[in-house]
Amino acid sequence: MPMLRTLHRCPVYEVPFLWDSTFIEQRIQAIEQAGLRFGYESRSARGETGPRGLRFAVFEPNISVVKCCVIPMLIGEAAFR
C-alpha cells in the first residue's frame, strides 16, 4: 500500500483478489447457467484452423498483484512487437 500510495498520490484500499476461489467458482456457475463453457479450449477443439497466435505463461507466487500483472503484460508486449 505505501508504494501505490506514493506512486499514484491517491488513497489506496485493500480488496480481495478477483481470482479468489470463491469468486471463480461463482463465475463458473454463472457462465454455465448462461450455456457457455469456462476454461481453456484449444483452437483445434473448436474446429478453428490457420496460424496460431503467441501464448505465454508466468509461474510466479501470487505475492504482489502489481508484480503478477506488470511482468506478464511486459512479456506479452515484447512478444507482440
PDB file of N, CA and C in Angstrom:
ATOM      1  N   MET A   1       0.803  -1.201   0.000  1.00  0.00           N
ATOM      2  CA  MET A   1       0.000   0.000   0.000  1.00  0.00           C
ATOM      3  C   MET A   1       0.846   1.266   0.000  1.00  0.00           C
ATOM      4  N   PRO A   2       1.907   1.327   0.804  1.00  0.00           N
ATOM      5  CA  PRO A   2       2.701   2.554   0.791  1.00  0.00           C
ATOM      6  C   PRO A   2       3.291   2.867  -0.592  1.00  0.00           C
ATOM      7  N   MET A   3       3.722   1.823  -1.319  1.00  0.00           N
ATOM      8  CA  MET A   3       4.291   2.054  -2.641  1.00  0.00           C
ATOM      9  C   MET A   3       3.238   2.631  -3.593  1.00  0.00           C
ATOM     10  N   LEU A   4       2.046   2.037  -3.620  1.00  0.00           N
ATOM     11  CA  LEU A   4       0.997   2.519  -4.523  1.00  0.00           C
ATOM     12  C   LEU A   4       0.528   3.917  -4.127  1.00  0.00           C
ATOM     13  N   ARG A   5       0.423   4.159  -2.821  1.00  0.00           N
ATOM     14  CA  ARG A   5       0.020   5.482  -2.345  1.00  0.00           C
ATOM     15  C   ARG A   5       1.028   6.542  -2.792  1.00  0.00           C
ATOM     16  N   THR A   6       2.306   6.213  -2.728  1.00  0.00           N
ATOM     17  CA  THR A   6       3.354   7.147  -3.125  1.00  0.00           C
ATOM     18  C   THR A   6       3.373   7.354  -4.637  1.00  0.00           C
ATOM     19  N   LEU A   7       3.270   6.257  -5.398  1.00  0.00           N
ATOM     20  CA  LEU A   7       3.325   6.355  -6.859  1.00  0.00           C
ATOM     21  C   LEU A   7       2.160   7.134  -7.439  1.00  0.00           C
ATOM     22  N   HIS A   8       0.954   6.857  -6.958  1.00  0.00           N
ATOM     23  CA  HIS A   8      -0.246   7.429  -7.573  1.00  0.00           C
ATOM     24  C   HIS A   8      -0.818   8.624  -6.818  1.00  0.00           C
ATOM     25  N   ARG A   9      -0.279   8.889  -5.628  1.00  0.00           N
ATOM     26  CA  ARG A   9      -0.720  10.035  -4.822  1.00  0.00           C
ATOM     27  C   ARG A   9      -2.237  10.070  -4.646  1.00  0.00           C
ATOM     28  N   CYS A  10      -2.777   8.919  -4.242  1.00  0.00           N
ATOM     29  CA  CYS A  10      -4.210   8.828  -4.003  1.00  0.00           C
ATOM     30  C   CYS A  10      -4.452   7.798  -2.896  1.00  0.00           C
ATOM     31  N   PRO A  11      -5.642   7.775  -2.315  1.00  0.00           N
ATOM     32  CA  PRO A  11      -5.935   6.779  -1.279  1.00  0.00           C
ATOM     33  C   PRO A  11      -5.893   5.373  -1.870  1.00  0.00           C
ATOM     34  N   VAL A  12      -5.451   4.426  -1.079  1.00  0.00           N
ATOM     35  CA  VAL A  12      -5.365   3.026  -1.503  1.00  0.00           C
ATOM     36  C   VAL A  12      -6.221   2.196  -0.571  1.00  0.00           C
ATOM     37  N   TYR A  13      -7.039   1.307  -1.129  1.00  0.00           N
ATOM     38  CA  TYR A  13      -7.916   0.442  -0.341  1.00  0.00           C
ATOM     39  C   TYR A  13      -7.601  -1.011  -0.645  1.00  0.00           C
ATOM     40  N   GLU A  14      -7.569  -1.826   0.374  1.00  0.00           N
ATOM     41  CA  GLU A  14      -7.299  -3.250   0.199  1.00  0.00           C
ATOM     42  C   GLU A  14      -8.605  -3.976  -0.109  1.00  0.00           C
ATOM     43  N   VAL A  15      -8.605  -4.758  -1.177  1.00  0.00           N
ATOM     44  CA  VAL A  15      -9.775  -5.535  -1.582  1.00  0.00           C
ATOM     45  C   VAL A  15      -9.340  -6.973  -1.849  1.00  0.00           C
ATOM     46  N   PRO A  16     -10.256  -7.940  -1.802  1.00  0.00           N
ATOM     47  CA  PRO A  16      -9.858  -9.324  -2.080  1.00  0.00           C
ATOM     48  C   PRO A  16      -9.473  -9.503  -3.548  1.00  0.00           C
ATOM     49  N   PHE A  17      -8.610 -10.472  -3.802  1.00  0.00           N
ATOM     50  CA  PHE A  17      -8.204 -10.774  -5.170  1.00  0.00           C
ATOM     51  C   PHE A  17      -9.401 -11.256  -5.977  1.00  0.00           C
ATOM     52  N   LEU A  18      -9.470 -10.854  -7.242  1.00  0.00           N
ATOM     53  CA  LEU A  18     -10.557 -11.285  -8.113  1.00  0.00           C
ATOM     54  C   LEU A  18     -10.479 -12.766  -8.426  1.00  0.00           C
ATOM     55  N   TRP A  19      -9.290 -13.354  -8.295  1.00  0.00           N
ATOM     56  CA  TRP A  19      -9.143 -14.765  -8.624  1.00  0.00           C
ATOM     57  C   TRP A  19      -9.240 -15.642  -7.387  1.00  0.00           C
ATOM     58  N   ASP A  20      -9.829 -15.122  -6.322  1.00  0.00           N
ATOM     59  CA  ASP A  20     -10.103 -15.938  -5.143  1.00  0.00           C
ATOM     60  C   ASP A  20     -10.996 -17.104  -5.563  1.00  0.00           C
ATOM     61  N   SER A  21     -10.784 -18.277  -4.993  1.00  0.00           N
ATOM     62  CA  SER A  21     -11.513 -19.475  -5.436  1.00  0.00           C
ATOM     63  C   SER A  21     -13.025 -19.304  -5.328  1.00  0.00           C
ATOM     64  N   THR A  22     -13.498 -18.586  -4.330  1.00  0.00           N
ATOM     65  CA  THR A  22     -14.943 -18.364  -4.188  1.00  0.00           C
ATOM     66  C   THR A  22     -15.479 -17.570  -5.370  1.00  0.00           C
ATOM     67  N   PHE A  23     -14.784 -16.511  -5.747  1.00  0.00           N
ATOM     68  CA  PHE A  23     -15.202 -15.683  -6.874  1.00  0.00           C
ATOM     69  C   PHE A  23     -15.200 -16.497  -8.164  1.00  0.00           C
ATOM     70  N   ILE A  24     -14.144 -17.261  -8.381  1.00  0.00           N
ATOM     71  CA  ILE A  24     -14.022 -18.051  -9.614  1.00  0.00           C
ATOM     72  C   ILE A  24     -15.142 -19.084  -9.695  1.00  0.00           C
ATOM     73  N   GLU A  25     -15.422 -19.781  -8.611  1.00  0.00           N
ATOM     74  CA  GLU A  25     -16.492 -20.798  -8.617  1.00  0.00           C
ATOM     75  C   GLU A  25     -17.851 -20.162  -8.899  1.00  0.00           C
ATOM     76  N   GLN A  26     -18.108 -18.981  -8.345  1.00  0.00           N
ATOM     77  CA  GLN A  26     -19.375 -18.293  -8.613  1.00  0.00           C
ATOM     78  C   GLN A  26     -19.483 -17.909 -10.087  1.00  0.00           C
ATOM     79  N   ARG A  27     -18.389 -17.424 -10.671  1.00  0.00           N
ATOM     80  CA  ARG A  27     -18.420 -17.052 -12.085  1.00  0.00           C
ATOM     81  C   ARG A  27     -18.588 -18.271 -12.987  1.00  0.00           C
ATOM     82  N   ILE A  28     -17.946 -19.385 -12.636  1.00  0.00           N
ATOM     83  CA  ILE A  28     -18.091 -20.611 -13.431  1.00  0.00           C
ATOM     84  C   ILE A  28     -19.557 -21.031 -13.456  1.00  0.00           C
ATOM     85  N   GLN A  29     -20.211 -21.005 -12.304  1.00  0.00           N
ATOM     86  CA  GLN A  29     -21.630 -21.373 -12.239  1.00  0.00           C
ATOM     87  C   GLN A  29     -22.485 -20.429 -13.076  1.00  0.00           C
ATOM     88  N   ALA A  30     -22.214 -19.120 -12.989  1.00  0.00           N
ATOM     89  CA  ALA A  30     -22.994 -18.147 -13.764  1.00  0.00           C
ATOM     90  C   ALA A  30     -22.781 -18.346 -15.261  1.00  0.00           C
ATOM     91  N   ILE A  31     -21.563 -18.619 -15.656  1.00  0.00           N
ATOM     92  CA  ILE A  31     -21.258 -18.831 -17.076  1.00  0.00           C
ATOM     93  C   ILE A  31     -21.934 -20.094 -17.587  1.00  0.00           C
ATOM     94  N   GLU A  32     -21.895 -21.176 -16.793  1.00  0.00           N
ATOM     95  CA  GLU A  32     -22.532 -22.424 -17.215  1.00  0.00           C
ATOM     96  C   GLU A  32     -24.047 -22.282 -17.295  1.00  0.00           C
ATOM     97  N   GLN A  33     -24.640 -21.477 -16.410  1.00  0.00           N
ATOM     98  CA  GLN A  33     -26.091 -21.246 -16.471  1.00  0.00           C
ATOM     99  C   GLN A  33     -26.469 -20.482 -17.734  1.00  0.00           C
ATOM    100  N   ALA A  34     -25.529 -19.692 -18.263  1.00  0.00           N
ATOM    101  CA  ALA A  34     -25.774 -18.951 -19.500  1.00  0.00           C
ATOM    102  C   ALA A  34     -25.523 -19.817 -20.732  1.00  0.00           C
ATOM    103  N   GLY A  35     -25.150 -21.101 -20.511  1.00  0.00           N
ATOM    104  CA  GLY A  35     -24.937 -22.013 -21.622  1.00  0.00           C
ATOM    105  C   GLY A  35     -23.544 -21.949 -22.223  1.00  0.00           C
ATOM    106  N   LEU A  36     -22.607 -21.335 -21.514  1.00  0.00           N
ATOM    107  CA  LEU A  36     -21.232 -21.231 -22.001  1.00  0.00           C
ATOM    108  C   LEU A  36     -20.336 -22.166 -21.205  1.00  0.00           C
ATOM    109  N   ARG A  37     -19.092 -22.310 -21.679  1.00  0.00           N
ATOM    110  CA  ARG A  37     -18.139 -23.191 -21.017  1.00  0.00           C
ATOM    111  C   ARG A  37     -16.976 -22.368 -20.492  1.00  0.00           C
ATOM    112  N   PHE A  38     -16.579 -22.605 -19.242  1.00  0.00           N
ATOM    113  CA  PHE A  38     -15.460 -21.895 -18.632  1.00  0.00           C
ATOM    114  C   PHE A  38     -14.185 -22.691 -18.824  1.00  0.00           C
ATOM    115  N   GLY A  39     -13.071 -22.013 -19.118  1.00  0.00           N
ATOM    116  CA  GLY A  39     -11.776 -22.669 -19.186  1.00  0.00           C
ATOM    117  C   GLY A  39     -11.178 -22.615 -20.578  1.00  0.00           C
ATOM    118  N   TYR A  40      -9.941 -23.044 -20.635  1.00  0.00           N
ATOM    119  CA  TYR A  40      -9.196 -23.029 -21.896  1.00  0.00           C
ATOM    120  C   TYR A  40      -9.703 -24.112 -22.833  1.00  0.00           C
ATOM    121  N   GLU A  41      -9.829 -23.767 -24.084  1.00  0.00           N
ATOM    122  CA  GLU A  41     -10.207 -24.733 -25.114  1.00  0.00           C
ATOM    123  C   GLU A  41      -9.313 -24.463 -26.319  1.00  0.00           C
ATOM    124  N   SER A  42      -8.601 -25.477 -26.770  1.00  0.00           N
ATOM    125  CA  SER A  42      -7.665 -25.278 -27.878  1.00  0.00           C
ATOM    126  C   SER A  42      -8.412 -24.943 -29.170  1.00  0.00           C
ATOM    127  N   ARG A  43      -7.696 -24.309 -30.081  1.00  0.00           N
ATOM    128  CA  ARG A  43      -8.303 -23.954 -31.371  1.00  0.00           C
ATOM    129  C   ARG A  43      -8.756 -25.189 -32.121  1.00  0.00           C
ATOM    130  N   SER A  44      -7.955 -26.263 -32.052  1.00  0.00           N
ATOM    131  CA  SER A  44      -8.334 -27.484 -32.766  1.00  0.00           C
ATOM    132  C   SER A  44      -9.613 -28.083 -32.182  1.00  0.00           C
ATOM    133  N   ALA A  45      -9.799 -27.970 -30.867  1.00  0.00           N
ATOM    134  CA  ALA A  45     -11.025 -28.474 -30.236  1.00  0.00           C
ATOM    135  C   ALA A  45     -12.240 -27.659 -30.677  1.00  0.00           C
ATOM    136  N   ARG A  46     -12.029 -26.382 -31.017  1.00  0.00           N
ATOM    137  CA  ARG A  46     -13.121 -25.532 -31.500  1.00  0.00           C
ATOM    138  C   ARG A  46     -13.309 -25.657 -32.995  1.00  0.00           C
ATOM    139  N   GLY A  47     -12.421 -26.401 -33.669  1.00  0.00           N
ATOM    140  CA  GLY A  47     -12.531 -26.587 -35.107  1.00  0.00           C
ATOM    141  C   GLY A  47     -11.936 -25.451 -35.915  1.00  0.00           C
ATOM    142  N   GLU A  48     -11.117 -24.605 -35.293  1.00  0.00           N
ATOM    143  CA  GLU A  48     -10.508 -23.485 -35.999  1.00  0.00           C
ATOM    144  C   GLU A  48      -9.202 -23.921 -36.651  1.00  0.00           C
ATOM    145  N   THR A  49      -8.887 -23.297 -37.766  1.00  0.00           N
ATOM    146  CA  THR A  49      -7.630 -23.566 -38.450  1.00  0.00           C
ATOM    147  C   THR A  49      -6.927 -22.237 -38.708  1.00  0.00           C
ATOM    148  N   GLY A  50      -5.734 -22.302 -39.243  1.00  0.00           N
ATOM    149  CA  GLY A  50      -4.989 -21.088 -39.563  1.00  0.00           C
ATOM    150  C   GLY A  50      -3.809 -20.912 -38.639  1.00  0.00           C
ATOM    151  N   PRO A  51      -3.092 -19.808 -38.795  1.00  0.00           N
ATOM    152  CA  PRO A  51      -1.895 -19.590 -37.982  1.00  0.00           C
ATOM    153  C   PRO A  51      -2.250 -19.410 -36.506  1.00  0.00           C
ATOM    154  N   ARG A  52      -1.370 -19.929 -35.662  1.00  0.00           N
ATOM    155  CA  ARG A  52      -1.588 -19.819 -34.221  1.00  0.00           C
ATOM    156  C   ARG A  52      -1.006 -18.519 -33.702  1.00  0.00           C
ATOM    157  N   GLY A  53      -1.642 -17.963 -32.710  1.00  0.00           N
ATOM    158  CA  GLY A  53      -1.119 -16.775 -32.049  1.00  0.00           C
ATOM    159  C   GLY A  53      -0.100 -17.165 -30.989  1.00  0.00           C
ATOM    160  N   LEU A  54       0.574 -16.171 -30.461  1.00  0.00           N
ATOM    161  CA  LEU A  54       1.530 -16.422 -29.399  1.00  0.00           C
ATOM    162  C   LEU A  54       0.815 -16.662 -28.083  1.00  0.00           C
ATOM    163  N   ARG A  55       1.400 -17.521 -27.259  1.00  0.00           N
ATOM    164  CA  ARG A  55       0.888 -17.762 -25.904  1.00  0.00           C
ATOM    165  C   ARG A  55       2.057 -17.709 -24.951  1.00  0.00           C
ATOM    166  N   PHE A  56       1.825 -17.223 -23.777  1.00  0.00           N
ATOM    167  CA  PHE A  56       2.866 -17.243 -22.757  1.00  0.00           C
ATOM    168  C   PHE A  56       2.222 -17.447 -21.395  1.00  0.00           C
ATOM    169  N   ALA A  57       3.003 -17.912 -20.465  1.00  0.00           N
ATOM    170  CA  ALA A  57       2.535 -18.119 -19.104  1.00  0.00           C
ATOM    171  C   ALA A  57       3.631 -17.686 -18.141  1.00  0.00           C
ATOM    172  N   VAL A  58       3.215 -17.163 -17.011  1.00  0.00           N
ATOM    173  CA  VAL A  58       4.154 -16.763 -15.972  1.00  0.00           C
ATOM    174  C   VAL A  58       3.782 -17.528 -14.711  1.00  0.00           C
ATOM    175  N   PHE A  59       4.733 -18.258 -14.181  1.00  0.00           N
ATOM    176  CA  PHE A  59       4.503 -19.022 -12.958  1.00  0.00           C
ATOM    177  C   PHE A  59       5.244 -18.332 -11.823  1.00  0.00           C
ATOM    178  N   GLU A  60       4.553 -17.492 -11.108  1.00  0.00           N
ATOM    179  CA  GLU A  60       5.100 -16.720 -10.006  1.00  0.00           C
ATOM    180  C   GLU A  60       4.215 -16.924  -8.790  1.00  0.00           C
ATOM    181  N   PRO A  61       4.788 -16.886  -7.612  1.00  0.00           N
ATOM    182  CA  PRO A  61       3.926 -16.919  -6.429  1.00  0.00           C
ATOM    183  C   PRO A  61       3.085 -15.642  -6.403  1.00  0.00           C
ATOM    184  N   ASN A  62       1.864 -15.757  -5.993  1.00  0.00           N
ATOM    185  CA  ASN A  62       0.928 -14.635  -6.004  1.00  0.00           C
ATOM    186  C   ASN A  62       1.156 -13.767  -4.767  1.00  0.00           C
ATOM    187  N   ILE A  63       2.288 -13.065  -4.753  1.00  0.00           N
ATOM    188  CA  ILE A  63       2.631 -12.235  -3.607  1.00  0.00           C
ATOM    189  C   ILE A  63       2.197 -10.794  -3.834  1.00  0.00           C
ATOM    190  N   SER A  64       2.410 -10.294  -5.026  1.00  0.00           N
ATOM    191  CA  SER A  64       2.095  -8.900  -5.333  1.00  0.00           C
ATOM    192  C   SER A  64       1.266  -8.838  -6.607  1.00  0.00           C
ATOM    193  N   VAL A  65       0.098  -8.222  -6.517  1.00  0.00           N
ATOM    194  CA  VAL A  65      -0.762  -8.077  -7.693  1.00  0.00           C
ATOM    195  C   VAL A  65      -0.048  -7.255  -8.763  1.00  0.00           C
ATOM    196  N   VAL A  66       0.673  -6.228  -8.338  1.00  0.00           N
ATOM    197  CA  VAL A  66       1.380  -5.377  -9.294  1.00  0.00           C
ATOM    198  C   VAL A  66       2.413  -6.210 -10.045  1.00  0.00           C
ATOM    199  N   LYS A  67       3.203  -6.998  -9.316  1.00  0.00           N
ATOM    200  CA  LYS A  67       4.238  -7.815  -9.950  1.00  0.00           C
ATOM    201  C   LYS A  67       3.607  -8.883 -10.839  1.00  0.00           C
ATOM    202  N   CYS A  68       2.541  -9.511 -10.376  1.00  0.00           N
ATOM    203  CA  CYS A  68       1.900 -10.583 -11.147  1.00  0.00           C
ATOM    204  C   CYS A  68       1.180 -10.037 -12.373  1.00  0.00           C
ATOM    205  N   CYS A  69       0.929  -8.754 -12.431  1.00  0.00           N
ATOM    206  CA  CYS A  69       0.240  -8.157 -13.576  1.00  0.00           C
ATOM    207  C   CYS A  69       1.220  -7.505 -14.540  1.00  0.00           C
ATOM    208  N   VAL A  70       2.155  -6.727 -14.013  1.00  0.00           N
ATOM    209  CA  VAL A  70       3.047  -5.940 -14.864  1.00  0.00           C
ATOM    210  C   VAL A  70       3.993  -6.829 -15.660  1.00  0.00           C
ATOM    211  N   ILE A  71       4.605  -7.823 -15.028  1.00  0.00           N
ATOM    212  CA  ILE A  71       5.560  -8.681 -15.724  1.00  0.00           C
ATOM    213  C   ILE A  71       4.899  -9.411 -16.895  1.00  0.00           C
ATOM    214  N   PRO A  72       3.738 -10.074 -16.722  1.00  0.00           N
ATOM    215  CA  PRO A  72       3.099 -10.711 -17.886  1.00  0.00           C
ATOM    216  C   PRO A  72       2.730  -9.716 -18.986  1.00  0.00           C
ATOM    217  N   MET A  73       2.311  -8.499 -18.625  1.00  0.00           N
ATOM    218  CA  MET A  73       1.997  -7.510 -19.664  1.00  0.00           C
ATOM    219  C   MET A  73       3.224  -7.122 -20.455  1.00  0.00           C
ATOM    220  N   LEU A  74       4.361  -6.946 -19.773  1.00  0.00           N
ATOM    221  CA  LEU A  74       5.601  -6.603 -20.475  1.00  0.00           C
ATOM    222  C   LEU A  74       6.070  -7.757 -21.361  1.00  0.00           C
ATOM    223  N   ILE A  75       5.940  -8.989 -20.889  1.00  0.00           N
ATOM    224  CA  ILE A  75       6.304 -10.149 -21.698  1.00  0.00           C
ATOM    225  C   ILE A  75       5.415 -10.201 -22.941  1.00  0.00           C
ATOM    226  N   GLY A  76       4.118 -10.032 -22.763  1.00  0.00           N
ATOM    227  CA  GLY A  76       3.201 -10.057 -23.895  1.00  0.00           C
ATOM    228  C   GLY A  76       3.487  -8.953 -24.900  1.00  0.00           C
ATOM    229  N   GLU A  77       3.794  -7.766 -24.409  1.00  0.00           N
ATOM    230  CA  GLU A  77       4.111  -6.669 -25.318  1.00  0.00           C
ATOM    231  C   GLU A  77       5.395  -6.950 -26.097  1.00  0.00           C
ATOM    232  N   ALA A  78       6.405  -7.472 -25.417  1.00  0.00           N
ATOM    233  CA  ALA A  78       7.667  -7.784 -26.096  1.00  0.00           C
ATOM    234  C   ALA A  78       7.458  -8.878 -27.153  1.00  0.00           C
ATOM    235  N   ALA A  79       6.667  -9.896 -26.816  1.00  0.00           N
ATOM    236  CA  ALA A  79       6.397 -10.968 -27.773  1.00  0.00           C
ATOM    237  C   ALA A  79       5.602 -10.447 -28.973  1.00  0.00           C
ATOM    238  N   PHE A  80       4.655  -9.557 -28.733  1.00  0.00           N
ATOM    239  CA  PHE A  80       3.842  -8.991 -29.808  1.00  0.00           C
ATOM    240  C   PHE A  80       4.704  -8.157 -30.758  1.00  0.00           C
ATOM    241  N   ARG A  81       5.602  -7.349 -30.180  1.00  0.00           N
ATOM    242  CA  ARG A  81       6.460  -6.484 -31.014  1.00  0.00           C
ATOM    243  C   ARG A  81       7.441  -7.311 -31.787  1.00  0.00           C
TER     244      ARG A  81
END
